Amino acid sequence: MKLSATTARAMMALAPIATLGLASRSFRLVPYGEAVSPSLAASGPTISCDGRVPGSTLELTHWTANVTPRPLYADTSTECALRLAQACSRGEYAQLAEATVLNNHFDTDGVLSVWACLEPEAALRHAALLCEGAEAGDFGEWSSDRGIQLDAAIEAIGGGALGAAAGESGDAAKYARRSWRS
């Protein structure tokens, strides 16, 4: 599958981040239904967030038939990613220090779980808010006023209903409108 110019720009805009003693992690959108490519697999470990990306080294998702390790599993993928951040702060999962973080769709739980993997120190400082936002986004729950506001802000960045009405589509374009830096 050939990448669109928008997808390529979105992927190139995502710079590696160094945190929690991690050498660096970077982000890549893998189109829904696709697996980790042989070239990506050969480049190092991968962490898929909030979705199933076959061939990933570690899966952090609450989706059906997931293979998220039991100690990391939670009701939202964001919580799974926060559990990984906690484990990394204890020196666990060192083999994932330079992992590429993957996602296959744009939604609040996906964005927050990716961010928690890219910016684990900041994510741990804001864990409660991130969980509230993920719950609001994935389950339509009124988790808290702040959670609803975070979900609304992320949906607005992605275009939400306004983006769809304007004819915008595609997760790559939605991810291109954000910055991972905290």
N, C-alpha and C. Protein backbone atom coordinates (compact mmCIF):
# COMPACT_ATOMS: atom_id res chain seq x y z
N MET A 1 0.85 -1.18 0.00
CA MET A 1 0.00 0.00 0.00
C MET A 1 0.90 1.24 0.00
N LYS A 2 0.65 2.14 -0.91
CA LYS A 2 1.42 3.38 -0.99
C LYS A 2 0.86 4.40 -0.01
N LEU A 3 1.77 5.06 0.73
CA LEU A 3 1.34 6.07 1.69
C LEU A 3 1.01 7.37 0.98
N SER A 4 -0.05 8.02 1.45
CA SER A 4 -0.38 9.34 0.92
C SER A 4 0.64 10.35 1.42
N ALA A 5 0.71 11.50 0.79
CA ALA A 5 1.62 12.55 1.23
C ALA A 5 1.28 13.00 2.65
N THR A 6 -0.01 13.05 2.98
CA THR A 6 -0.43 13.45 4.32
C THR A 6 0.06 12.44 5.35
N THR A 7 -0.10 11.15 5.06
CA THR A 7 0.35 10.11 5.97
C THR A 7 1.86 10.18 6.15
N ALA A 8 2.58 10.34 5.07
CA ALA A 8 4.05 10.42 5.15
C ALA A 8 4.48 11.62 5.99
N ARG A 9 3.85 12.78 5.78
CA ARG A 9 4.18 13.97 6.57
C ARG A 9 3.88 13.74 8.04
N ALA A 10 2.75 13.11 8.33
CA ALA A 10 2.37 12.86 9.73
C ALA A 10 3.39 11.95 10.39
N MET A 11 3.83 10.93 9.71
CA MET A 11 4.79 10.01 10.29
C MET A 11 6.15 10.67 10.47
N MET A 12 6.57 11.49 9.52
CA MET A 12 7.87 12.15 9.63
C MET A 12 7.88 13.21 10.72
N ALA A 13 6.71 13.76 11.03
CA ALA A 13 6.63 14.83 12.04
C ALA A 13 6.77 14.30 13.46
N LEU A 14 6.68 13.00 13.62
CA LEU A 14 6.71 12.43 14.96
C LEU A 14 8.14 12.07 15.34
N ALA A 15 8.77 12.96 16.10
CA ALA A 15 10.18 12.80 16.48
C ALA A 15 10.29 11.89 17.69
N PRO A 16 11.43 11.19 17.81
CA PRO A 16 11.66 10.36 19.00
C PRO A 16 11.69 11.20 20.27
N ILE A 17 11.27 10.60 21.35
CA ILE A 17 11.21 11.26 22.65
C ILE A 17 12.09 10.47 23.63
N ALA A 18 12.87 11.14 24.46
CA ALA A 18 13.68 10.48 25.47
C ALA A 18 13.13 10.78 26.86
N THR A 19 12.66 9.73 27.57
CA THR A 19 12.13 9.90 28.91
C THR A 19 12.37 8.63 29.71
N LEU A 20 12.25 8.73 31.02
CA LEU A 20 12.36 7.59 31.93
C LEU A 20 13.54 6.69 31.60
N GLY A 21 14.65 7.28 31.19
CA GLY A 21 15.81 6.48 30.86
C GLY A 21 15.69 5.76 29.53
N LEU A 22 14.62 6.02 28.82
CA LEU A 22 14.43 5.38 27.52
C LEU A 22 15.31 6.08 26.51
N ALA A 23 15.99 5.30 25.69
CA ALA A 23 16.84 5.91 24.67
C ALA A 23 15.97 6.77 23.76
N SER A 24 14.91 6.22 23.24
CA SER A 24 13.95 6.98 22.44
C SER A 24 12.83 6.05 22.00
N ARG A 25 11.68 6.64 21.83
CA ARG A 25 10.55 5.95 21.23
C ARG A 25 9.99 6.88 20.17
N SER A 26 9.49 6.31 19.11
CA SER A 26 8.86 7.09 18.06
C SER A 26 7.49 6.50 17.78
N PHE A 27 6.70 7.20 17.01
CA PHE A 27 5.33 6.79 16.71
C PHE A 27 5.17 6.49 15.22
N ARG A 28 4.32 5.52 14.94
CA ARG A 28 3.95 5.24 13.56
C ARG A 28 2.49 4.79 13.52
N LEU A 29 1.73 5.39 12.62
CA LEU A 29 0.36 4.95 12.37
C LEU A 29 0.42 3.78 11.40
N VAL A 30 -0.20 2.68 11.77
CA VAL A 30 -0.31 1.52 10.90
C VAL A 30 -1.77 1.44 10.51
N PRO A 31 -2.10 1.54 9.23
CA PRO A 31 -3.51 1.53 8.84
C PRO A 31 -4.27 0.32 9.40
N TYR A 32 -5.50 0.59 9.82
CA TYR A 32 -6.33 -0.45 10.43
C TYR A 32 -6.35 -1.70 9.54
N GLY A 33 -6.17 -2.86 10.16
CA GLY A 33 -6.19 -4.12 9.44
C GLY A 33 -4.83 -4.58 8.94
N GLU A 34 -3.85 -3.69 8.97
CA GLU A 34 -2.52 -4.07 8.51
C GLU A 34 -1.68 -4.55 9.68
N ALA A 35 -0.66 -5.34 9.36
CA ALA A 35 0.26 -5.88 10.35
C ALA A 35 1.56 -5.08 10.34
N VAL A 36 2.40 -5.35 11.32
CA VAL A 36 3.74 -4.77 11.35
C VAL A 36 4.46 -5.25 10.09
N SER A 37 5.02 -4.33 9.33
CA SER A 37 5.72 -4.70 8.09
C SER A 37 7.04 -5.39 8.44
N PRO A 38 7.56 -6.20 7.53
CA PRO A 38 8.85 -6.84 7.78
C PRO A 38 9.96 -5.82 8.06
N SER A 39 9.96 -4.69 7.36
CA SER A 39 11.02 -3.70 7.60
C SER A 39 10.87 -3.06 8.98
N LEU A 40 9.65 -2.81 9.42
CA LEU A 40 9.44 -2.25 10.75
C LEU A 40 9.82 -3.28 11.81
N ALA A 41 9.45 -4.52 11.61
CA ALA A 41 9.81 -5.58 12.56
C ALA A 41 11.32 -5.72 12.67
N ALA A 42 12.01 -5.60 11.56
CA ALA A 42 13.47 -5.73 11.56
C ALA A 42 14.16 -4.54 12.23
N SER A 43 13.47 -3.41 12.30
CA SER A 43 14.09 -2.20 12.87
C SER A 43 14.09 -2.18 14.38
N GLY A 44 13.35 -3.07 15.03
CA GLY A 44 13.34 -3.13 16.49
C GLY A 44 11.97 -3.46 17.03
N PRO A 45 11.85 -3.44 18.36
CA PRO A 45 10.57 -3.79 18.98
C PRO A 45 9.48 -2.75 18.72
N THR A 46 8.24 -3.20 18.85
CA THR A 46 7.08 -2.32 18.63
C THR A 46 6.08 -2.51 19.77
N ILE A 47 5.36 -1.45 20.07
CA ILE A 47 4.29 -1.48 21.07
C ILE A 47 3.03 -0.99 20.37
N SER A 48 2.01 -1.84 20.27
CA SER A 48 0.75 -1.37 19.68
C SER A 48 -0.19 -0.93 20.79
N CYS A 49 -0.79 0.24 20.60
CA CYS A 49 -1.68 0.85 21.59
C CYS A 49 -3.11 0.92 21.07
N ASP A 50 -4.04 0.50 21.93
CA ASP A 50 -5.47 0.64 21.66
C ASP A 50 -5.86 0.09 20.30
N GLY A 51 -5.53 -1.14 20.07
CA GLY A 51 -5.89 -1.80 18.82
C GLY A 51 -5.00 -3.00 18.62
N ARG A 52 -5.39 -3.83 17.70
CA ARG A 52 -4.61 -5.03 17.38
C ARG A 52 -3.80 -4.74 16.13
N VAL A 53 -2.49 -4.75 16.25
CA VAL A 53 -1.58 -4.64 15.11
C VAL A 53 -0.77 -5.94 15.11
N PRO A 54 -1.19 -6.92 14.31
CA PRO A 54 -0.50 -8.20 14.30
C PRO A 54 1.00 -8.04 14.06
N GLY A 55 1.77 -8.80 14.84
CA GLY A 55 3.22 -8.76 14.70
C GLY A 55 3.91 -7.80 15.64
N SER A 56 3.14 -7.04 16.45
CA SER A 56 3.78 -6.12 17.38
C SER A 56 4.42 -6.92 18.52
N THR A 57 5.48 -6.35 19.09
CA THR A 57 6.20 -7.00 20.18
C THR A 57 5.36 -7.03 21.45
N LEU A 58 4.71 -5.91 21.76
CA LEU A 58 3.87 -5.79 22.95
C LEU A 58 2.57 -5.13 22.54
N GLU A 59 1.48 -5.69 23.04
CA GLU A 59 0.16 -5.15 22.77
C GLU A 59 -0.39 -4.53 24.05
N LEU A 60 -0.87 -3.29 23.96
CA LEU A 60 -1.49 -2.60 25.10
C LEU A 60 -2.90 -2.20 24.68
N THR A 61 -3.83 -3.09 24.87
CA THR A 61 -5.20 -2.81 24.45
C THR A 61 -6.20 -3.58 25.28
N HIS A 62 -7.40 -3.07 25.31
CA HIS A 62 -8.51 -3.75 25.96
C HIS A 62 -9.40 -4.42 24.93
N TRP A 63 -9.02 -4.37 23.66
CA TRP A 63 -9.84 -4.94 22.59
C TRP A 63 -10.01 -6.45 22.76
N THR A 64 -11.07 -6.97 22.17
CA THR A 64 -11.36 -8.39 22.21
C THR A 64 -10.19 -9.19 21.65
N ALA A 65 -9.94 -10.33 22.25
CA ALA A 65 -8.89 -11.26 21.83
C ALA A 65 -7.49 -10.65 21.92
N ASN A 66 -7.32 -9.69 22.82
CA ASN A 66 -6.00 -9.07 22.97
C ASN A 66 -5.02 -10.03 23.65
N VAL A 67 -3.74 -9.71 23.50
CA VAL A 67 -2.68 -10.49 24.14
C VAL A 67 -1.84 -9.59 25.06
N THR A 68 -2.49 -8.59 25.63
CA THR A 68 -1.83 -7.71 26.60
C THR A 68 -1.44 -8.55 27.81
N PRO A 69 -0.19 -8.44 28.27
CA PRO A 69 0.20 -9.20 29.46
C PRO A 69 -0.69 -8.86 30.65
N ARG A 70 -1.05 -9.86 31.41
CA ARG A 70 -1.98 -9.68 32.53
C ARG A 70 -1.57 -8.54 33.47
N PRO A 71 -0.28 -8.38 33.83
CA PRO A 71 0.07 -7.29 34.75
C PRO A 71 -0.16 -5.89 34.16
N LEU A 72 -0.26 -5.79 32.84
CA LEU A 72 -0.46 -4.49 32.19
C LEU A 72 -1.91 -4.27 31.77
N TYR A 73 -2.73 -5.32 31.79
CA TYR A 73 -4.10 -5.22 31.29
C TYR A 73 -4.96 -4.34 32.19
N ALA A 74 -5.85 -3.55 31.56
CA ALA A 74 -6.80 -2.69 32.28
C ALA A 74 -8.01 -2.45 31.37
N ASP A 75 -8.98 -1.69 31.88
CA ASP A 75 -10.21 -1.44 31.13
C ASP A 75 -10.01 -0.52 29.93
N THR A 76 -9.03 0.36 30.00
CA THR A 76 -8.72 1.21 28.85
C THR A 76 -7.26 0.98 28.44
N SER A 77 -6.98 1.24 27.18
CA SER A 77 -5.61 1.11 26.69
C SER A 77 -4.70 2.14 27.33
N THR A 78 -5.26 3.28 27.68
CA THR A 78 -4.47 4.31 28.37
C THR A 78 -3.98 3.79 29.71
N GLU A 79 -4.85 3.11 30.45
CA GLU A 79 -4.42 2.52 31.72
C GLU A 79 -3.34 1.46 31.48
N CYS A 80 -3.48 0.68 30.42
CA CYS A 80 -2.45 -0.31 30.09
C CYS A 80 -1.10 0.39 29.87
N ALA A 81 -1.11 1.49 29.13
CA ALA A 81 0.12 2.23 28.85
C ALA A 81 0.69 2.85 30.12
N LEU A 82 -0.17 3.31 31.01
CA LEU A 82 0.30 3.85 32.28
C LEU A 82 0.93 2.76 33.15
N ARG A 83 0.37 1.56 33.09
CA ARG A 83 0.98 0.44 33.82
C ARG A 83 2.35 0.10 33.24
N LEU A 84 2.48 0.20 31.92
CA LEU A 84 3.79 0.00 31.31
C LEU A 84 4.76 1.07 31.79
N ALA A 85 4.33 2.33 31.84
CA ALA A 85 5.19 3.41 32.31
C ALA A 85 5.66 3.15 33.74
N GLN A 86 4.75 2.69 34.58
CA GLN A 86 5.13 2.36 35.97
C GLN A 86 6.15 1.23 35.98
N ALA A 87 5.92 0.20 35.18
CA ALA A 87 6.84 -0.93 35.12
C ALA A 87 8.22 -0.49 34.62
N CYS A 88 8.24 0.38 33.61
CA CYS A 88 9.52 0.89 33.08
C CYS A 88 10.25 1.70 34.15
N SER A 89 9.51 2.43 34.98
CA SER A 89 10.15 3.22 36.04
C SER A 89 10.80 2.31 37.09
N ARG A 90 10.37 1.05 37.14
CA ARG A 90 10.97 0.07 38.06
C ARG A 90 12.06 -0.74 37.36
N GLY A 91 12.38 -0.40 36.11
CA GLY A 91 13.42 -1.10 35.38
C GLY A 91 12.94 -2.29 34.57
N GLU A 92 11.65 -2.51 34.52
CA GLU A 92 11.09 -3.61 33.74
C GLU A 92 10.94 -3.19 32.27
N TYR A 93 10.81 -4.14 31.39
CA TYR A 93 10.58 -3.91 29.96
C TYR A 93 11.70 -3.09 29.31
N ALA A 94 12.93 -3.24 29.79
CA ALA A 94 14.06 -2.48 29.24
C ALA A 94 14.25 -2.74 27.75
N GLN A 95 13.84 -3.91 27.28
CA GLN A 95 13.99 -4.24 25.86
C GLN A 95 13.11 -3.37 24.96
N LEU A 96 12.19 -2.61 25.56
CA LEU A 96 11.29 -1.75 24.78
C LEU A 96 11.71 -0.28 24.82
N ALA A 97 12.90 -0.02 25.31
CA ALA A 97 13.37 1.37 25.46
C ALA A 97 13.37 2.14 24.15
N GLU A 98 13.64 1.48 23.05
CA GLU A 98 13.67 2.14 21.74
C GLU A 98 12.55 1.66 20.84
N ALA A 99 11.48 1.18 21.43
CA ALA A 99 10.37 0.64 20.64
C ALA A 99 9.67 1.72 19.84
N THR A 100 9.14 1.32 18.72
CA THR A 100 8.26 2.18 17.94
C THR A 100 6.84 1.95 18.45
N VAL A 101 6.15 3.02 18.80
CA VAL A 101 4.79 2.95 19.31
C VAL A 101 3.83 3.03 18.13
N LEU A 102 2.89 2.10 18.08
CA LEU A 102 1.97 1.98 16.95
C LEU A 102 0.53 2.21 17.37
N ASN A 103 -0.26 2.70 16.44
CA ASN A 103 -1.71 2.80 16.62
C ASN A 103 -2.32 2.66 15.23
N ASN A 104 -3.57 2.16 15.18
CA ASN A 104 -4.21 1.94 13.89
C ASN A 104 -5.49 2.75 13.67
N HIS A 105 -5.77 3.69 14.57
CA HIS A 105 -6.97 4.53 14.43
C HIS A 105 -6.84 5.73 15.36
N PHE A 106 -7.62 6.77 15.09
CA PHE A 106 -7.59 7.98 15.92
C PHE A 106 -8.83 8.02 16.79
N ASP A 107 -8.63 7.90 18.08
CA ASP A 107 -9.67 8.19 19.06
C ASP A 107 -8.98 8.58 20.37
N THR A 108 -9.75 8.99 21.34
CA THR A 108 -9.16 9.51 22.57
C THR A 108 -8.30 8.48 23.29
N ASP A 109 -8.80 7.26 23.47
CA ASP A 109 -8.02 6.24 24.17
C ASP A 109 -6.75 5.91 23.38
N GLY A 110 -6.84 5.89 22.07
CA GLY A 110 -5.65 5.63 21.25
C GLY A 110 -4.62 6.73 21.39
N VAL A 111 -5.04 7.97 21.27
CA VAL A 111 -4.12 9.11 21.38
C VAL A 111 -3.48 9.13 22.76
N LEU A 112 -4.28 8.95 23.81
CA LEU A 112 -3.73 9.04 25.17
C LEU A 112 -2.79 7.87 25.48
N SER A 113 -3.10 6.68 24.99
CA SER A 113 -2.20 5.54 25.25
C SER A 113 -0.89 5.70 24.49
N VAL A 114 -0.94 6.22 23.27
CA VAL A 114 0.29 6.49 22.52
C VAL A 114 1.11 7.54 23.27
N TRP A 115 0.48 8.62 23.69
CA TRP A 115 1.19 9.68 24.40
C TRP A 115 1.82 9.16 25.69
N ALA A 116 1.09 8.29 26.40
CA ALA A 116 1.64 7.72 27.64
C ALA A 116 2.88 6.88 27.37
N CYS A 117 2.95 6.24 26.22
CA CYS A 117 4.15 5.47 25.87
C CYS A 117 5.29 6.39 25.42
N LEU A 118 4.96 7.49 24.77
CA LEU A 118 5.99 8.41 24.29
C LEU A 118 6.48 9.36 25.38
N GLU A 119 5.62 9.71 26.30
CA GLU A 119 5.94 10.67 27.38
C GLU A 119 5.54 10.08 28.73
N PRO A 120 6.16 8.97 29.13
CA PRO A 120 5.69 8.28 30.34
C PRO A 120 5.80 9.09 31.63
N GLU A 121 6.83 9.89 31.79
CA GLU A 121 6.94 10.69 33.03
C GLU A 121 5.79 11.68 33.14
N ALA A 122 5.52 12.39 32.07
CA ALA A 122 4.40 13.35 32.09
C ALA A 122 3.08 12.62 32.25
N ALA A 123 2.93 11.49 31.58
CA ALA A 123 1.69 10.73 31.67
C ALA A 123 1.43 10.26 33.10
N LEU A 124 2.46 9.80 33.78
CA LEU A 124 2.27 9.35 35.17
C LEU A 124 1.86 10.50 36.07
N ARG A 125 2.36 11.70 35.80
CA ARG A 125 1.96 12.87 36.61
C ARG A 125 0.48 13.22 36.41
N HIS A 126 -0.06 12.85 35.27
CA HIS A 126 -1.46 13.20 34.94
C HIS A 126 -2.32 11.96 34.75
N ALA A 127 -1.95 10.87 35.43
CA ALA A 127 -2.61 9.58 35.21
C ALA A 127 -4.12 9.63 35.41
N ALA A 128 -4.58 10.25 36.47
CA ALA A 128 -6.03 10.27 36.74
C ALA A 128 -6.78 10.96 35.61
N LEU A 129 -6.29 12.10 35.17
CA LEU A 129 -6.94 12.83 34.08
C LEU A 129 -6.93 12.00 32.80
N LEU A 130 -5.81 11.37 32.48
CA LEU A 130 -5.73 10.56 31.26
C LEU A 130 -6.74 9.41 31.30
N CYS A 131 -6.85 8.76 32.44
CA CYS A 131 -7.82 7.66 32.57
C CYS A 131 -9.25 8.18 32.42
N GLU A 132 -9.54 9.33 33.01
CA GLU A 132 -10.88 9.92 32.90
C GLU A 132 -11.19 10.28 31.44
N GLY A 133 -10.21 10.83 30.72
CA GLY A 133 -10.42 11.16 29.31
C GLY A 133 -10.63 9.93 28.46
N ALA A 134 -9.85 8.88 28.72
CA ALA A 134 -9.99 7.63 27.96
C ALA A 134 -11.35 6.99 28.21
N GLU A 135 -11.80 7.00 29.46
CA GLU A 135 -13.12 6.43 29.78
C GLU A 135 -14.23 7.22 29.10
N ALA A 136 -14.12 8.54 29.12
CA ALA A 136 -15.13 9.36 28.46
C ALA A 136 -15.17 9.07 26.97
N GLY A 137 -14.00 8.96 26.37
CA GLY A 137 -13.93 8.75 24.93
C GLY A 137 -14.36 7.37 24.49
N ASP A 138 -13.89 6.33 25.18
CA ASP A 138 -14.18 4.97 24.74
C ASP A 138 -15.53 4.45 25.19
N PHE A 139 -15.98 4.87 26.37
CA PHE A 139 -17.19 4.29 26.92
C PHE A 139 -18.36 5.26 26.97
N GLY A 140 -18.15 6.51 26.54
CA GLY A 140 -19.21 7.50 26.59
C GLY A 140 -19.65 7.77 28.02
N GLU A 141 -18.73 7.59 28.97
CA GLU A 141 -19.04 7.81 30.38
C GLU A 141 -18.78 9.26 30.76
N TRP A 142 -19.54 9.74 31.71
CA TRP A 142 -19.24 11.04 32.30
C TRP A 142 -18.29 10.74 33.45
N SER A 143 -17.04 10.48 33.11
CA SER A 143 -16.05 10.08 34.10
C SER A 143 -15.75 11.22 35.06
N SER A 144 -15.69 12.42 34.53
CA SER A 144 -15.48 13.65 35.29
C SER A 144 -15.62 14.80 34.31
N ASP A 145 -15.80 16.00 34.83
CA ASP A 145 -15.85 17.16 33.94
C ASP A 145 -14.55 17.27 33.15
N ARG A 146 -13.42 17.06 33.84
CA ARG A 146 -12.12 17.17 33.18
C ARG A 146 -11.95 16.09 32.12
N GLY A 147 -12.42 14.89 32.40
CA GLY A 147 -12.33 13.80 31.43
C GLY A 147 -13.12 14.09 30.17
N ILE A 148 -14.32 14.63 30.34
CA ILE A 148 -15.15 15.01 29.19
C ILE A 148 -14.47 16.13 28.41
N GLN A 149 -13.89 17.09 29.10
CA GLN A 149 -13.20 18.19 28.41
C GLN A 149 -11.99 17.68 27.63
N LEU A 150 -11.23 16.76 28.20
CA LEU A 150 -10.07 16.21 27.50
C LEU A 150 -10.51 15.44 26.27
N ASP A 151 -11.54 14.61 26.41
CA ASP A 151 -12.06 13.86 25.26
C ASP A 151 -12.54 14.82 24.17
N ALA A 152 -13.26 15.86 24.56
CA ALA A 152 -13.76 16.84 23.57
C ALA A 152 -12.61 17.54 22.87
N ALA A 153 -11.56 17.88 23.62
CA ALA A 153 -10.40 18.56 23.01
C ALA A 153 -9.70 17.66 22.01
N ILE A 154 -9.51 16.38 22.36
CA ILE A 154 -8.84 15.45 21.44
C ILE A 154 -9.70 15.22 20.21
N GLU A 155 -10.99 15.06 20.40
CA GLU A 155 -11.87 14.89 19.24
C GLU A 155 -11.85 16.13 18.35
N ALA A 156 -11.76 17.31 18.96
CA ALA A 156 -11.69 18.54 18.17
C ALA A 156 -10.39 18.60 17.36
N ILE A 157 -9.29 18.18 17.98
CA ILE A 157 -8.01 18.14 17.25
C ILE A 157 -8.12 17.22 16.05
N GLY A 158 -8.82 16.11 16.25
CA GLY A 158 -8.99 15.14 15.17
C GLY A 158 -10.03 15.55 14.15
N GLY A 159 -10.70 16.64 14.37
CA GLY A 159 -11.71 17.09 13.42
C GLY A 159 -13.12 16.79 13.88
N GLY A 160 -13.30 15.73 14.67
CA GLY A 160 -14.62 15.38 15.19
C GLY A 160 -15.69 15.46 14.12
N ALA A 161 -16.89 15.83 14.53
CA ALA A 161 -18.00 15.94 13.60
C ALA A 161 -17.75 17.06 12.59
N LEU A 162 -17.07 18.13 13.02
CA LEU A 162 -16.79 19.22 12.10
C LEU A 162 -15.86 18.78 10.98
N GLY A 163 -14.85 17.98 11.33
CA GLY A 163 -13.93 17.47 10.31
C GLY A 163 -14.65 16.57 9.33
N ALA A 164 -15.54 15.71 9.84
CA ALA A 164 -16.28 14.82 8.96
C ALA A 164 -17.21 15.62 8.04
N ALA A 165 -17.84 16.66 8.60
CA ALA A 165 -18.74 17.49 7.79
C ALA A 165 -17.96 18.24 6.70
N ALA A 166 -16.71 18.56 6.99
CA ALA A 166 -15.88 19.28 6.02
C ALA A 166 -15.24 18.33 5.01
N GLY A 167 -15.54 17.04 5.15
CA GLY A 167 -15.01 16.07 4.20
C GLY A 167 -13.65 15.51 4.59
N GLU A 168 -13.16 15.85 5.79
CA GLU A 168 -11.89 15.30 6.24
C GLU A 168 -12.08 13.85 6.64
N SER A 169 -11.11 13.04 6.31
CA SER A 169 -11.13 11.66 6.76
C SER A 169 -9.70 11.20 6.88
N GLY A 170 -9.53 10.10 7.51
CA GLY A 170 -8.20 9.53 7.59
C GLY A 170 -7.52 9.83 8.91
N ASP A 171 -7.08 8.76 9.55
CA ASP A 171 -6.42 8.90 10.83
C ASP A 171 -5.08 9.62 10.72
N ALA A 172 -4.37 9.46 9.62
CA ALA A 172 -3.07 10.13 9.46
C ALA A 172 -3.23 11.64 9.51
N ALA A 173 -4.26 12.16 8.86
CA ALA A 173 -4.49 13.60 8.87
C ALA A 173 -4.82 14.08 10.28
N LYS A 174 -5.57 13.28 11.01
CA LYS A 174 -5.92 13.64 12.38
C LYS A 174 -4.68 13.66 13.27
N TYR A 175 -3.84 12.65 13.14
CA TYR A 175 -2.61 12.63 13.94
C TYR A 175 -1.66 13.73 13.54
N ALA A 176 -1.69 14.17 12.29
CA ALA A 176 -0.80 15.23 11.83
C ALA A 176 -1.09 16.57 12.51
N ARG A 177 -2.32 16.73 13.05
CA ARG A 177 -2.70 17.99 13.68
C ARG A 177 -2.26 18.10 15.14
N ARG A 178 -1.56 17.15 15.67
CA ARG A 178 -1.18 17.19 17.08
C ARG A 178 0.35 17.20 17.25
N SER A 179 0.77 17.50 18.47
CA SER A 179 2.19 17.47 18.83
C SER A 179 2.34 16.60 20.06
N TRP A 180 3.31 15.71 20.06
CA TRP A 180 3.51 14.80 21.18
C TRP A 180 4.30 15.44 22.31
N ARG A 181 4.96 16.53 22.08
CA ARG A 181 5.81 17.13 23.11
C ARG A 181 4.96 17.70 24.24
N SER A 182 5.38 17.42 25.48
CA SER A 182 4.62 17.93 26.64
C SER A 182 5.17 19.28 27.06
